[in-house]
Amino acid sequence: MATGLFSSSSSRKRNGEAADASIEDQLNDIREDIAQLVSLIADRGIAASRDAKSKARSTREQAESDLQDLLASGEQMISDLRRRYAGTEREVRRAVREHPVATFGVAAAIGLIAAALLRR
């Protein structure tokens, strides 16, 4: 009877050691899987970061290009306005020289109309 007890105890120890070894192996496998997962996530994060930087750079370059186009367009509009203003100024000066009394009358009429509107 004593022999059966000891042999059972001995087999339990061996099975316990085997179970402990199996658990250790499983833990090592899990650790390796986690390390691979972390590496995969890091690689994907780096790739996503590169993509985001590339898109940001592309968007910035497009915005700069659009801004340059807008500035050039604005400068052209200002140049056109200056030419038109210069032409209008010449016409007004010519009209004042040719018809000084009429110009004075129109200015006085505009003044009276503006005064009447401001009184109301």
PDB file of N, CA and C in Angstrom:
ATOM      1  N   MET A   1       0.796  -1.172   0.000  1.00  0.00           N
ATOM      2  CA  MET A   1       0.000   0.000   0.000  1.00  0.00           C
ATOM      3  C   MET A   1       0.850   1.252   0.000  1.00  0.00           C
ATOM      4  N   ALA A   2       1.888   1.215   0.755  1.00  0.00           N
ATOM      5  CA  ALA A   2       2.773   2.346   0.810  1.00  0.00           C
ATOM      6  C   ALA A   2       3.434   2.574  -0.528  1.00  0.00           C
ATOM      7  N   THR A   3       3.688   1.493  -1.242  1.00  0.00           N
ATOM      8  CA  THR A   3       4.317   1.633  -2.521  1.00  0.00           C
ATOM      9  C   THR A   3       3.403   2.363  -3.490  1.00  0.00           C
ATOM     10  N   GLY A   4       2.143   2.084  -3.469  1.00  0.00           N
ATOM     11  CA  GLY A   4       1.210   2.749  -4.360  1.00  0.00           C
ATOM     12  C   GLY A   4       1.111   4.222  -4.073  1.00  0.00           C
ATOM     13  N   LEU A   5       1.172   4.583  -2.825  1.00  0.00           N
ATOM     14  CA  LEU A   5       1.103   5.982  -2.449  1.00  0.00           C
ATOM     15  C   LEU A   5       2.307   6.729  -2.967  1.00  0.00           C
ATOM     16  N   PHE A   6       3.454   6.160  -2.782  1.00  0.00           N
ATOM     17  CA  PHE A   6       4.675   6.835  -3.210  1.00  0.00           C
ATOM     18  C   PHE A   6       4.751   6.931  -4.729  1.00  0.00           C
ATOM     19  N   SER A   7       4.333   5.907  -5.400  1.00  0.00           N
ATOM     20  CA  SER A   7       4.408   5.962  -6.846  1.00  0.00           C
ATOM     21  C   SER A   7       3.409   6.966  -7.391  1.00  0.00           C
ATOM     22  N   SER A   8       2.258   7.055  -6.761  1.00  0.00           N
ATOM     23  CA  SER A   8       1.267   8.049  -7.182  1.00  0.00           C
ATOM     24  C   SER A   8       1.807   9.443  -6.941  1.00  0.00           C
ATOM     25  N   SER A   9       2.415   9.662  -5.808  1.00  0.00           N
ATOM     26  CA  SER A   9       3.004  10.953  -5.477  1.00  0.00           C
ATOM     27  C   SER A   9       4.119  11.271  -6.448  1.00  0.00           C
ATOM     28  N   SER A  10       4.901  10.271  -6.789  1.00  0.00           N
ATOM     29  CA  SER A  10       6.001  10.469  -7.722  1.00  0.00           C
ATOM     30  C   SER A  10       5.464  10.817  -9.103  1.00  0.00           C
ATOM     31  N   SER A  11       4.389  10.176  -9.537  1.00  0.00           N
ATOM     32  CA  SER A  11       3.850  10.506 -10.846  1.00  0.00           C
ATOM     33  C   SER A  11       3.207  11.884 -10.834  1.00  0.00           C
ATOM     34  N   ARG A  12       2.657  12.272  -9.739  1.00  0.00           N
ATOM     35  CA  ARG A  12       2.101  13.638  -9.646  1.00  0.00           C
ATOM     36  C   ARG A  12       3.192  14.679  -9.799  1.00  0.00           C
ATOM     37  N   LYS A  13       4.325  14.413  -9.161  1.00  0.00           N
ATOM     38  CA  LYS A  13       5.434  15.362  -9.271  1.00  0.00           C
ATOM     39  C   LYS A  13       5.876  15.461 -10.719  1.00  0.00           C
ATOM     40  N   ARG A  14       5.980  14.331 -11.368  1.00  0.00           N
ATOM     41  CA  ARG A  14       6.392  14.354 -12.759  1.00  0.00           C
ATOM     42  C   ARG A  14       5.343  15.051 -13.617  1.00  0.00           C
ATOM     43  N   ASN A  15       4.089  14.769 -13.401  1.00  0.00           N
ATOM     44  CA  ASN A  15       3.023  15.427 -14.149  1.00  0.00           C
ATOM     45  C   ASN A  15       2.989  16.922 -13.828  1.00  0.00           C
ATOM     46  N   GLY A  16       3.229  17.274 -12.568  1.00  0.00           N
ATOM     47  CA  GLY A  16       3.284  18.684 -12.182  1.00  0.00           C
ATOM     48  C   GLY A  16       4.436  19.392 -12.857  1.00  0.00           C
ATOM     49  N   GLU A  17       5.577  18.724 -12.921  1.00  0.00           N
ATOM     50  CA  GLU A  17       6.729  19.303 -13.607  1.00  0.00           C
ATOM     51  C   GLU A  17       6.447  19.443 -15.093  1.00  0.00           C
ATOM     52  N   ALA A  18       5.775  18.453 -15.645  1.00  0.00           N
ATOM     53  CA  ALA A  18       5.416  18.516 -17.057  1.00  0.00           C
ATOM     54  C   ALA A  18       4.420  19.630 -17.298  1.00  0.00           C
ATOM     55  N   ALA A  19       3.477  19.779 -16.382  1.00  0.00           N
ATOM     56  CA  ALA A  19       2.481  20.847 -16.512  1.00  0.00           C
ATOM     57  C   ALA A  19       3.159  22.201 -16.372  1.00  0.00           C
ATOM     58  N   ASP A  20       4.104  22.292 -15.404  1.00  0.00           N
ATOM     59  CA  ASP A  20       4.829  23.557 -15.234  1.00  0.00           C
ATOM     60  C   ASP A  20       5.644  23.867 -16.482  1.00  0.00           C
ATOM     61  N   ALA A  21       6.275  22.865 -17.053  1.00  0.00           N
ATOM     62  CA  ALA A  21       7.059  23.069 -18.270  1.00  0.00           C
ATOM     63  C   ALA A  21       6.147  23.467 -19.416  1.00  0.00           C
ATOM     64  N   SER A  22       5.007  22.844 -19.487  1.00  0.00           N
ATOM     65  CA  SER A  22       4.055  23.175 -20.540  1.00  0.00           C
ATOM     66  C   SER A  22       3.558  24.606 -20.386  1.00  0.00           C
ATOM     67  N   ILE A  23       3.283  25.012 -19.164  1.00  0.00           N
ATOM     68  CA  ILE A  23       2.829  26.390 -18.904  1.00  0.00           C
ATOM     69  C   ILE A  23       3.939  27.373 -19.256  1.00  0.00           C
ATOM     70  N   GLU A  24       5.164  27.048 -18.894  1.00  0.00           N
ATOM     71  CA  GLU A  24       6.305  27.906 -19.242  1.00  0.00           C
ATOM     72  C   GLU A  24       6.439  28.032 -20.752  1.00  0.00           C
ATOM     73  N   ASP A  25       6.285  26.920 -21.449  1.00  0.00           N
ATOM     74  CA  ASP A  25       6.359  26.959 -22.916  1.00  0.00           C
ATOM     75  C   ASP A  25       5.253  27.834 -23.488  1.00  0.00           C
ATOM     76  N   GLN A  26       4.059  27.675 -22.929  1.00  0.00           N
ATOM     77  CA  GLN A  26       2.938  28.499 -23.394  1.00  0.00           C
ATOM     78  C   GLN A  26       3.171  29.972 -23.109  1.00  0.00           C
ATOM     79  N   LEU A  27       3.697  30.257 -21.915  1.00  0.00           N
ATOM     80  CA  LEU A  27       4.005  31.659 -21.577  1.00  0.00           C
ATOM     81  C   LEU A  27       5.061  32.226 -22.516  1.00  0.00           C
ATOM     82  N   ASN A  28       6.073  31.410 -22.830  1.00  0.00           N
ATOM     83  CA  ASN A  28       7.109  31.863 -23.773  1.00  0.00           C
ATOM     84  C   ASN A  28       6.507  32.105 -25.155  1.00  0.00           C
ATOM     85  N   ASP A  29       5.604  31.220 -25.579  1.00  0.00           N
ATOM     86  CA  ASP A  29       4.933  31.406 -26.872  1.00  0.00           C
ATOM     87  C   ASP A  29       4.111  32.689 -26.867  1.00  0.00           C
ATOM     88  N   ILE A  30       3.408  32.920 -25.767  1.00  0.00           N
ATOM     89  CA  ILE A  30       2.588  34.145 -25.652  1.00  0.00           C
ATOM     90  C   ILE A  30       3.491  35.374 -25.676  1.00  0.00           C
ATOM     91  N   ARG A  31       4.604  35.305 -24.972  1.00  0.00           N
ATOM     92  CA  ARG A  31       5.546  36.446 -24.968  1.00  0.00           C
ATOM     93  C   ARG A  31       6.064  36.732 -26.379  1.00  0.00           C
ATOM     94  N   GLU A  32       6.384  35.665 -27.106  1.00  0.00           N
ATOM     95  CA  GLU A  32       6.867  35.827 -28.480  1.00  0.00           C
ATOM     96  C   GLU A  32       5.773  36.412 -29.375  1.00  0.00           C
ATOM     97  N   ASP A  33       4.538  35.923 -29.185  1.00  0.00           N
ATOM     98  CA  ASP A  33       3.412  36.457 -29.965  1.00  0.00           C
ATOM     99  C   ASP A  33       3.195  37.933 -29.666  1.00  0.00           C
ATOM    100  N   ILE A  34       3.287  38.286 -28.390  1.00  0.00           N
ATOM    101  CA  ILE A  34       3.113  39.694 -27.999  1.00  0.00           C
ATOM    102  C   ILE A  34       4.233  40.542 -28.591  1.00  0.00           C
ATOM    103  N   ALA A  35       5.455  40.044 -28.569  1.00  0.00           N
ATOM    104  CA  ALA A  35       6.580  40.783 -29.145  1.00  0.00           C
ATOM    105  C   ALA A  35       6.376  40.984 -30.646  1.00  0.00           C
ATOM    106  N   GLN A  36       5.896  39.937 -31.324  1.00  0.00           N
ATOM    107  CA  GLN A  36       5.631  40.064 -32.762  1.00  0.00           C
ATOM    108  C   GLN A  36       4.506  41.055 -33.020  1.00  0.00           C
ATOM    109  N   LEU A  37       3.478  41.001 -32.171  1.00  0.00           N
ATOM    110  CA  LEU A  37       2.355  41.933 -32.313  1.00  0.00           C
ATOM    111  C   LEU A  37       2.813  43.374 -32.103  1.00  0.00           C
ATOM    112  N   VAL A  38       3.619  43.590 -31.085  1.00  0.00           N
ATOM    113  CA  VAL A  38       4.148  44.943 -30.827  1.00  0.00           C
ATOM    114  C   VAL A  38       4.991  45.408 -32.007  1.00  0.00           C
ATOM    115  N   SER A  39       5.806  44.522 -32.546  1.00  0.00           N
ATOM    116  CA  SER A  39       6.631  44.881 -33.702  1.00  0.00           C
ATOM    117  C   SER A  39       5.759  45.215 -34.908  1.00  0.00           C
ATOM    118  N   LEU A  40       4.722  44.417 -35.130  1.00  0.00           N
ATOM    119  CA  LEU A  40       3.804  44.669 -36.246  1.00  0.00           C
ATOM    120  C   LEU A  40       3.088  46.003 -36.080  1.00  0.00           C
ATOM    121  N   ILE A  41       2.621  46.268 -34.862  1.00  0.00           N
ATOM    122  CA  ILE A  41       1.940  47.547 -34.598  1.00  0.00           C
ATOM    123  C   ILE A  41       2.899  48.711 -34.798  1.00  0.00           C
ATOM    124  N   ALA A  42       4.135  48.560 -34.350  1.00  0.00           N
ATOM    125  CA  ALA A  42       5.131  49.624 -34.521  1.00  0.00           C
ATOM    126  C   ALA A  42       5.399  49.872 -36.004  1.00  0.00           C
ATOM    127  N   ASP A  43       5.542  48.784 -36.766  1.00  0.00           N
ATOM    128  CA  ASP A  43       5.780  48.929 -38.204  1.00  0.00           C
ATOM    129  C   ASP A  43       4.604  49.619 -38.884  1.00  0.00           C
ATOM    130  N   ARG A  44       3.405  49.219 -38.521  1.00  0.00           N
ATOM    131  CA  ARG A  44       2.219  49.850 -39.112  1.00  0.00           C
ATOM    132  C   ARG A  44       2.133  51.315 -38.705  1.00  0.00           C
ATOM    133  N   GLY A  45       2.488  51.606 -37.452  1.00  0.00           N
ATOM    134  CA  GLY A  45       2.481  52.991 -36.984  1.00  0.00           C
ATOM    135  C   GLY A  45       3.480  53.841 -37.750  1.00  0.00           C
ATOM    136  N   ILE A  46       4.648  53.289 -37.994  1.00  0.00           N
ATOM    137  CA  ILE A  46       5.676  54.014 -38.753  1.00  0.00           C
ATOM    138  C   ILE A  46       5.195  54.263 -40.176  1.00  0.00           C
ATOM    139  N   ALA A  47       4.574  53.241 -40.780  1.00  0.00           N
ATOM    140  CA  ALA A  47       4.066  53.401 -42.151  1.00  0.00           C
ATOM    141  C   ALA A  47       2.952  54.442 -42.194  1.00  0.00           C
ATOM    142  N   ALA A  48       2.061  54.406 -41.203  1.00  0.00           N
ATOM    143  CA  ALA A  48       0.974  55.389 -41.155  1.00  0.00           C
ATOM    144  C   ALA A  48       1.533  56.787 -40.948  1.00  0.00           C
ATOM    145  N   SER A  49       2.560  56.904 -40.129  1.00  0.00           N
ATOM    146  CA  SER A  49       3.196  58.199 -39.889  1.00  0.00           C
ATOM    147  C   SER A  49       3.837  58.728 -41.166  1.00  0.00           C
ATOM    148  N   ARG A  50       4.497  57.850 -41.910  1.00  0.00           N
ATOM    149  CA  ARG A  50       5.101  58.270 -43.181  1.00  0.00           C
ATOM    150  C   ARG A  50       4.033  58.730 -44.164  1.00  0.00           C
ATOM    151  N   ASP A  51       2.936  57.969 -44.224  1.00  0.00           N
ATOM    152  CA  ASP A  51       1.841  58.349 -45.128  1.00  0.00           C
ATOM    153  C   ASP A  51       1.268  59.706 -44.741  1.00  0.00           C
ATOM    154  N   ALA A  52       1.067  59.907 -43.439  1.00  0.00           N
ATOM    155  CA  ALA A  52       0.505  61.175 -42.972  1.00  0.00           C
ATOM    156  C   ALA A  52       1.456  62.334 -43.283  1.00  0.00           C
ATOM    157  N   LYS A  53       2.745  62.121 -43.065  1.00  0.00           N
ATOM    158  CA  LYS A  53       3.724  63.167 -43.373  1.00  0.00           C
ATOM    159  C   LYS A  53       3.738  63.472 -44.857  1.00  0.00           C
ATOM    160  N   SER A  54       3.667  62.426 -45.672  1.00  0.00           N
ATOM    161  CA  SER A  54       3.667  62.618 -47.123  1.00  0.00           C
ATOM    162  C   SER A  54       2.431  63.397 -47.559  1.00  0.00           C
ATOM    163  N   LYS A  55       1.272  63.033 -47.026  1.00  0.00           N
ATOM    164  CA  LYS A  55       0.041  63.739 -47.373  1.00  0.00           C
ATOM    165  C   LYS A  55       0.094  65.186 -46.891  1.00  0.00           C
ATOM    166  N   ALA A  56       0.625  65.407 -45.686  1.00  0.00           N
ATOM    167  CA  ALA A  56       0.741  66.767 -45.167  1.00  0.00           C
ATOM    168  C   ALA A  56       1.680  67.596 -46.040  1.00  0.00           C
ATOM    169  N   ARG A  57       2.794  67.000 -46.449  1.00  0.00           N
ATOM    170  CA  ARG A  57       3.749  67.703 -47.306  1.00  0.00           C
ATOM    171  C   ARG A  57       3.104  68.046 -48.653  1.00  0.00           C
ATOM    172  N   SER A  58       2.386  67.091 -49.214  1.00  0.00           N
ATOM    173  CA  SER A  58       1.711  67.313 -50.493  1.00  0.00           C
ATOM    174  C   SER A  58       0.661  68.412 -50.372  1.00  0.00           C
ATOM    175  N   THR A  59      -0.106  68.374 -49.294  1.00  0.00           N
ATOM    176  CA  THR A  59      -1.133  69.392 -49.064  1.00  0.00           C
ATOM    177  C   THR A  59      -0.498  70.769 -48.876  1.00  0.00           C
ATOM    178  N   ARG A  60       0.603  70.823 -48.133  1.00  0.00           N
ATOM    179  CA  ARG A  60       1.297  72.101 -47.926  1.00  0.00           C
ATOM    180  C   ARG A  60       1.823  72.657 -49.243  1.00  0.00           C
ATOM    181  N   GLU A  61       2.410  71.786 -50.053  1.00  0.00           N
ATOM    182  CA  GLU A  61       2.929  72.230 -51.346  1.00  0.00           C
ATOM    183  C   GLU A  61       1.801  72.734 -52.243  1.00  0.00           C
ATOM    184  N   GLN A  62       0.663  72.042 -52.224  1.00  0.00           N
ATOM    185  CA  GLN A  62      -0.478  72.476 -53.022  1.00  0.00           C
ATOM    186  C   GLN A  62      -0.999  73.827 -52.523  1.00  0.00           C
ATOM    187  N   ALA A  63      -1.056  73.992 -51.191  1.00  0.00           N
ATOM    188  CA  ALA A  63      -1.512  75.259 -50.628  1.00  0.00           C
ATOM    189  C   ALA A  63      -0.562  76.395 -50.999  1.00  0.00           C
ATOM    190  N   GLU A  64       0.738  76.128 -50.942  1.00  0.00           N
ATOM    191  CA  GLU A  64       1.711  77.151 -51.321  1.00  0.00           C
ATOM    192  C   GLU A  64       1.563  77.526 -52.792  1.00  0.00           C
ATOM    193  N   SER A  65       1.363  76.538 -53.629  1.00  0.00           N
ATOM    194  CA  SER A  65       1.174  76.788 -55.057  1.00  0.00           C
ATOM    195  C   SER A  65      -0.093  77.614 -55.299  1.00  0.00           C
ATOM    196  N   ASP A  66      -1.177  77.229 -54.623  1.00  0.00           N
ATOM    197  CA  ASP A  66      -2.432  77.980 -54.758  1.00  0.00           C
ATOM    198  C   ASP A  66      -2.275  79.414 -54.255  1.00  0.00           C
ATOM    199  N   LEU A  67      -1.531  79.582 -53.156  1.00  0.00           N
ATOM    200  CA  LEU A  67      -1.302  80.923 -52.619  1.00  0.00           C
ATOM    201  C   LEU A  67      -0.509  81.773 -53.608  1.00  0.00           C
ATOM    202  N   GLN A  68       0.515  81.178 -54.223  1.00  0.00           N
ATOM    203  CA  GLN A  68       1.296  81.917 -55.215  1.00  0.00           C
ATOM    204  C   GLN A  68       0.422  82.332 -56.399  1.00  0.00           C
ATOM    205  N   ASP A  69      -0.456  81.416 -56.835  1.00  0.00           N
ATOM    206  CA  ASP A  69      -1.379  81.743 -57.935  1.00  0.00           C
ATOM    207  C   ASP A  69      -2.318  82.872 -57.530  1.00  0.00           C
ATOM    208  N   LEU A  70      -2.809  82.806 -56.299  1.00  0.00           N
ATOM    209  CA  LEU A  70      -3.718  83.832 -55.800  1.00  0.00           C
ATOM    210  C   LEU A  70      -3.016  85.191 -55.705  1.00  0.00           C
ATOM    211  N   LEU A  71      -1.785  85.190 -55.219  1.00  0.00           N
ATOM    212  CA  LEU A  71      -1.031  86.439 -55.131  1.00  0.00           C
ATOM    213  C   LEU A  71      -0.777  87.029 -56.519  1.00  0.00           C
ATOM    214  N   ALA A  72      -0.418  86.180 -57.461  1.00  0.00           N
ATOM    215  CA  ALA A  72      -0.181  86.661 -58.828  1.00  0.00           C
ATOM    216  C   ALA A  72      -1.468  87.227 -59.417  1.00  0.00           C
ATOM    217  N   SER A  73      -2.569  86.560 -59.172  1.00  0.00           N
ATOM    218  CA  SER A  73      -3.863  87.043 -59.660  1.00  0.00           C
ATOM    219  C   SER A  73      -4.219  88.380 -59.008  1.00  0.00           C
ATOM    220  N   GLY A  74      -3.975  88.485 -57.698  1.00  0.00           N
ATOM    221  CA  GLY A  74      -4.250  89.733 -56.980  1.00  0.00           C
ATOM    222  C   GLY A  74      -3.395  90.882 -57.495  1.00  0.00           C
ATOM    223  N   GLU A  75      -2.132  90.600 -57.748  1.00  0.00           N
ATOM    224  CA  GLU A  75      -1.247  91.639 -58.286  1.00  0.00           C
ATOM    225  C   GLU A  75      -1.719  92.099 -59.660  1.00  0.00           C
ATOM    226  N   GLN A  76      -2.182  91.154 -60.462  1.00  0.00           N
ATOM    227  CA  GLN A  76      -2.700  91.502 -61.795  1.00  0.00           C
ATOM    228  C   GLN A  76      -3.946  92.372 -61.668  1.00  0.00           C
ATOM    229  N   MET A  77      -4.830  92.028 -60.728  1.00  0.00           N
ATOM    230  CA  MET A  77      -6.051  92.821 -60.526  1.00  0.00           C
ATOM    231  C   MET A  77      -5.712  94.230 -60.061  1.00  0.00           C
ATOM    232  N   ILE A  78      -4.747  94.362 -59.163  1.00  0.00           N
ATOM    233  CA  ILE A  78      -4.336  95.679 -58.681  1.00  0.00           C
ATOM    234  C   ILE A  78      -3.753  96.498 -59.822  1.00  0.00           C
ATOM    235  N   SER A  79      -2.950  95.864 -60.649  1.00  0.00           N
ATOM    236  CA  SER A  79      -2.372  96.551 -61.799  1.00  0.00           C
ATOM    237  C   SER A  79      -3.481  97.045 -62.741  1.00  0.00           C
ATOM    238  N   ASP A  80      -4.475  96.183 -62.996  1.00  0.00           N
ATOM    239  CA  ASP A  80      -5.601  96.581 -63.858  1.00  0.00           C
ATOM    240  C   ASP A  80      -6.374  97.745 -63.247  1.00  0.00           C
ATOM    241  N   LEU A  81      -6.612  97.686 -61.940  1.00  0.00           N
ATOM    242  CA  LEU A  81      -7.337  98.773 -61.266  1.00  0.00           C
ATOM    243  C   LEU A  81      -6.562 100.088 -61.339  1.00  0.00           C
ATOM    244  N   ARG A  82      -5.253 100.018 -61.168  1.00  0.00           N
ATOM    245  CA  ARG A  82      -4.440 101.233 -61.259  1.00  0.00           C
ATOM    246  C   ARG A  82      -4.540 101.850 -62.655  1.00  0.00           C
ATOM    247  N   ARG A  83      -4.486 100.999 -63.679  1.00  0.00           N
ATOM    248  CA  ARG A  83      -4.599 101.517 -65.044  1.00  0.00           C
ATOM    249  C   ARG A  83      -5.975 102.151 -65.269  1.00  0.00           C
ATOM    250  N   ARG A  84      -7.012 101.486 -64.808  1.00  0.00           N
ATOM    251  CA  ARG A  84      -8.357 102.038 -64.975  1.00  0.00           C
ATOM    252  C   ARG A  84      -8.524 103.338 -64.202  1.00  0.00           C
ATOM    253  N   TYR A  85      -7.983 103.371 -62.964  1.00  0.00           N
ATOM    254  CA  TYR A  85      -8.080 104.579 -62.156  1.00  0.00           C
ATOM    255  C   TYR A  85      -7.325 105.731 -62.822  1.00  0.00           C
ATOM    256  N   ALA A  86      -6.140 105.422 -63.352  1.00  0.00           N
ATOM    257  CA  ALA A  86      -5.349 106.466 -64.028  1.00  0.00           C
ATOM    258  C   ALA A  86      -6.116 106.997 -65.232  1.00  0.00           C
ATOM    259  N   GLY A  87      -6.764 106.112 -65.987  1.00  0.00           N
ATOM    260  CA  GLY A  87      -7.549 106.533 -67.142  1.00  0.00           C
ATOM    261  C   GLY A  87      -8.744 107.378 -66.712  1.00  0.00           C
ATOM    262  N   THR A  88      -9.423 106.983 -65.665  1.00  0.00           N
ATOM    263  CA  THR A  88     -10.573 107.737 -65.156  1.00  0.00           C
ATOM    264  C   THR A  88     -10.123 109.096 -64.629  1.00  0.00           C
ATOM    265  N   GLU A  89      -9.014 109.127 -63.947  1.00  0.00           N
ATOM    266  CA  GLU A  89      -8.480 110.393 -63.427  1.00  0.00           C
ATOM    267  C   GLU A  89      -8.178 111.361 -64.567  1.00  0.00           C
ATOM    268  N   ARG A  90      -7.587 110.863 -65.641  1.00  0.00           N
ATOM    269  CA  ARG A  90      -7.301 111.729 -66.791  1.00  0.00           C
ATOM    270  C   ARG A  90      -8.589 112.281 -67.394  1.00  0.00           C
ATOM    271  N   GLU A  91      -9.604 111.432 -67.504  1.00  0.00           N
ATOM    272  CA  GLU A  91     -10.875 111.876 -68.074  1.00  0.00           C
ATOM    273  C   GLU A  91     -11.536 112.938 -67.199  1.00  0.00           C
ATOM    274  N   VAL A  92     -11.489 112.750 -65.880  1.00  0.00           N
ATOM    275  CA  VAL A  92     -12.079 113.739 -64.964  1.00  0.00           C
ATOM    276  C   VAL A  92     -11.328 115.066 -65.080  1.00  0.00           C
ATOM    277  N   ARG A  93     -10.012 115.034 -65.091  1.00  0.00           N
ATOM    278  CA  ARG A  93      -9.227 116.274 -65.217  1.00  0.00           C
ATOM    279  C   ARG A  93      -9.543 116.988 -66.536  1.00  0.00           C
ATOM    280  N   ARG A  94      -9.642 116.207 -67.596  1.00  0.00           N
ATOM    281  CA  ARG A  94      -9.968 116.806 -68.904  1.00  0.00           C
ATOM    282  C   ARG A  94     -11.360 117.442 -68.875  1.00  0.00           C
ATOM    283  N   ALA A  95     -12.328 116.737 -68.256  1.00  0.00           N
ATOM    284  CA  ALA A  95     -13.695 117.273 -68.190  1.00  0.00           C
ATOM    285  C   ALA A  95     -13.728 118.548 -67.353  1.00  0.00           C
ATOM    286  N   VAL A  96     -12.973 118.582 -66.261  1.00  0.00           N
ATOM    287  CA  VAL A  96     -12.939 119.784 -65.407  1.00  0.00           C
ATOM    288  C   VAL A  96     -12.311 120.938 -66.172  1.00  0.00           C
ATOM    289  N   ARG A  97     -11.250 120.690 -66.932  1.00  0.00           N
ATOM    290  CA  ARG A  97     -10.618 121.751 -67.708  1.00  0.00           C
ATOM    291  C   ARG A  97     -11.531 122.265 -68.817  1.00  0.00           C
ATOM    292  N   GLU A  98     -12.231 121.351 -69.462  1.00  0.00           N
ATOM    293  CA  GLU A  98     -13.083 121.763 -70.581  1.00  0.00           C
ATOM    294  C   GLU A  98     -14.392 122.402 -70.122  1.00  0.00           C
ATOM    295  N   HIS A  99     -14.930 121.981 -68.990  1.00  0.00           N
ATOM    296  CA  HIS A  99     -16.224 122.490 -68.504  1.00  0.00           C
ATOM    297  C   HIS A  99     -16.147 122.806 -67.011  1.00  0.00           C
ATOM    298  N   PRO A 100     -15.417 123.834 -66.631  1.00  0.00           N
ATOM    299  CA  PRO A 100     -15.249 124.124 -65.200  1.00  0.00           C
ATOM    300  C   PRO A 100     -16.556 124.532 -64.523  1.00  0.00           C
ATOM    301  N   VAL A 101     -17.396 125.309 -65.192  1.00  0.00           N
ATOM    302  CA  VAL A 101     -18.635 125.786 -64.573  1.00  0.00           C
ATOM    303  C   VAL A 101     -19.596 124.608 -64.383  1.00  0.00           C
ATOM    304  N   ALA A 102     -19.722 123.781 -65.389  1.00  0.00           N
ATOM    305  CA  ALA A 102     -20.609 122.621 -65.286  1.00  0.00           C
ATOM    306  C   ALA A 102     -20.127 121.681 -64.185  1.00  0.00           C
ATOM    307  N   THR A 103     -18.820 121.511 -64.066  1.00  0.00           N
ATOM    308  CA  THR A 103     -18.263 120.641 -63.028  1.00  0.00           C
ATOM    309  C   THR A 103     -18.589 121.198 -61.653  1.00  0.00           C
ATOM    310  N   PHE A 104     -18.440 122.513 -61.499  1.00  0.00           N
ATOM    311  CA  PHE A 104     -18.768 123.150 -60.230  1.00  0.00           C
ATOM    312  C   PHE A 104     -20.256 122.960 -59.919  1.00  0.00           C
ATOM    313  N   GLY A 105     -21.138 123.123 -60.905  1.00  0.00           N
ATOM    314  CA  GLY A 105     -22.585 122.949 -60.715  1.00  0.00           C
ATOM    315  C   GLY A 105     -22.929 121.518 -60.302  1.00  0.00           C
ATOM    316  N   VAL A 106     -22.306 120.548 -60.938  1.00  0.00           N
ATOM    317  CA  VAL A 106     -22.564 119.140 -60.582  1.00  0.00           C
ATOM    318  C   VAL A 106     -22.089 118.868 -59.161  1.00  0.00           C
ATOM    319  N   ALA A 107     -20.929 119.381 -58.793  1.00  0.00           N
ATOM    320  CA  ALA A 107     -20.410 119.187 -57.444  1.00  0.00           C
ATOM    321  C   ALA A 107     -21.327 119.831 -56.417  1.00  0.00           C
ATOM    322  N   ALA A 108     -21.831 121.044 -56.714  1.00  0.00           N
ATOM    323  CA  ALA A 108     -22.741 121.725 -55.792  1.00  0.00           C
ATOM    324  C   ALA A 108     -24.052 120.935 -55.661  1.00  0.00           C
ATOM    325  N   ALA A 109     -24.568 120.424 -56.772  1.00  0.00           N
ATOM    326  CA  ALA A 109     -25.813 119.645 -56.731  1.00  0.00           C
ATOM    327  C   ALA A 109     -25.626 118.375 -55.903  1.00  0.00           C
ATOM    328  N   ILE A 110     -24.517 117.721 -56.072  1.00  0.00           N
ATOM    329  CA  ILE A 110     -24.237 116.508 -55.286  1.00  0.00           C
ATOM    330  C   ILE A 110     -24.142 116.860 -53.811  1.00  0.00           C
ATOM    331  N   GLY A 111     -23.514 117.974 -53.494  1.00  0.00           N
ATOM    332  CA  GLY A 111     -23.410 118.420 -52.112  1.00  0.00           C
ATOM    333  C   GLY A 111     -24.757 118.693 -51.496  1.00  0.00           C
ATOM    334  N   LEU A 112     -25.648 119.375 -52.252  1.00  0.00           N
ATOM    335  CA  LEU A 112     -26.985 119.680 -51.741  1.00  0.00           C
ATOM    336  C   LEU A 112     -27.798 118.388 -51.515  1.00  0.00           C
ATOM    337  N   ILE A 113     -27.703 117.481 -52.429  1.00  0.00           N
ATOM    338  CA  ILE A 113     -28.428 116.217 -52.289  1.00  0.00           C
ATOM    339  C   ILE A 113     -27.920 115.463 -51.069  1.00  0.00           C
ATOM    340  N   ALA A 114     -26.620 115.409 -50.882  1.00  0.00           N
ATOM    341  CA  ALA A 114     -26.046 114.703 -49.734  1.00  0.00           C
ATOM    342  C   ALA A 114     -26.476 115.378 -48.435  1.00  0.00           C
ATOM    343  N   ALA A 115     -26.491 116.722 -48.398  1.00  0.00           N
ATOM    344  CA  ALA A 115     -26.925 117.432 -47.199  1.00  0.00           C
ATOM    345  C   ALA A 115     -28.383 117.146 -46.894  1.00  0.00           C
ATOM    346  N   ALA A 116     -29.224 117.130 -47.930  1.00  0.00           N
ATOM    347  CA  ALA A 116     -30.653 116.848 -47.727  1.00  0.00           C
ATOM    348  C   ALA A 116     -30.853 115.429 -47.182  1.00  0.00           C
ATOM    349  N   LEU A 117     -30.099 114.479 -47.701  1.00  0.00           N
ATOM    350  CA  LEU A 117     -30.235 113.110 -47.225  1.00  0.00           C
ATOM    351  C   LEU A 117     -29.747 112.942 -45.791  1.00  0.00           C
ATOM    352  N   LEU A 118     -28.708 113.679 -45.428  1.00  0.00           N
ATOM    353  CA  LEU A 118     -28.165 113.578 -44.072  1.00  0.00           C
ATOM    354  C   LEU A 118     -29.074 114.240 -43.037  1.00  0.00           C
ATOM    355  N   ARG A 119     -29.875 115.213 -43.436  1.00  0.00           N
ATOM    356  CA  ARG A 119     -30.783 115.877 -42.500  1.00  0.00           C
ATOM    357  C   ARG A 119     -31.922 114.966 -42.089  1.00  0.00           C
ATOM    358  N   ARG A 120     -32.312 114.072 -42.931  1.00  0.00           N
ATOM    359  CA  ARG A 120     -33.460 113.200 -42.646  1.00  0.00           C
ATOM    360  C   ARG A 120     -33.138 112.199 -41.638  1.00  0.00           C
TER     361      ARG A 120
END
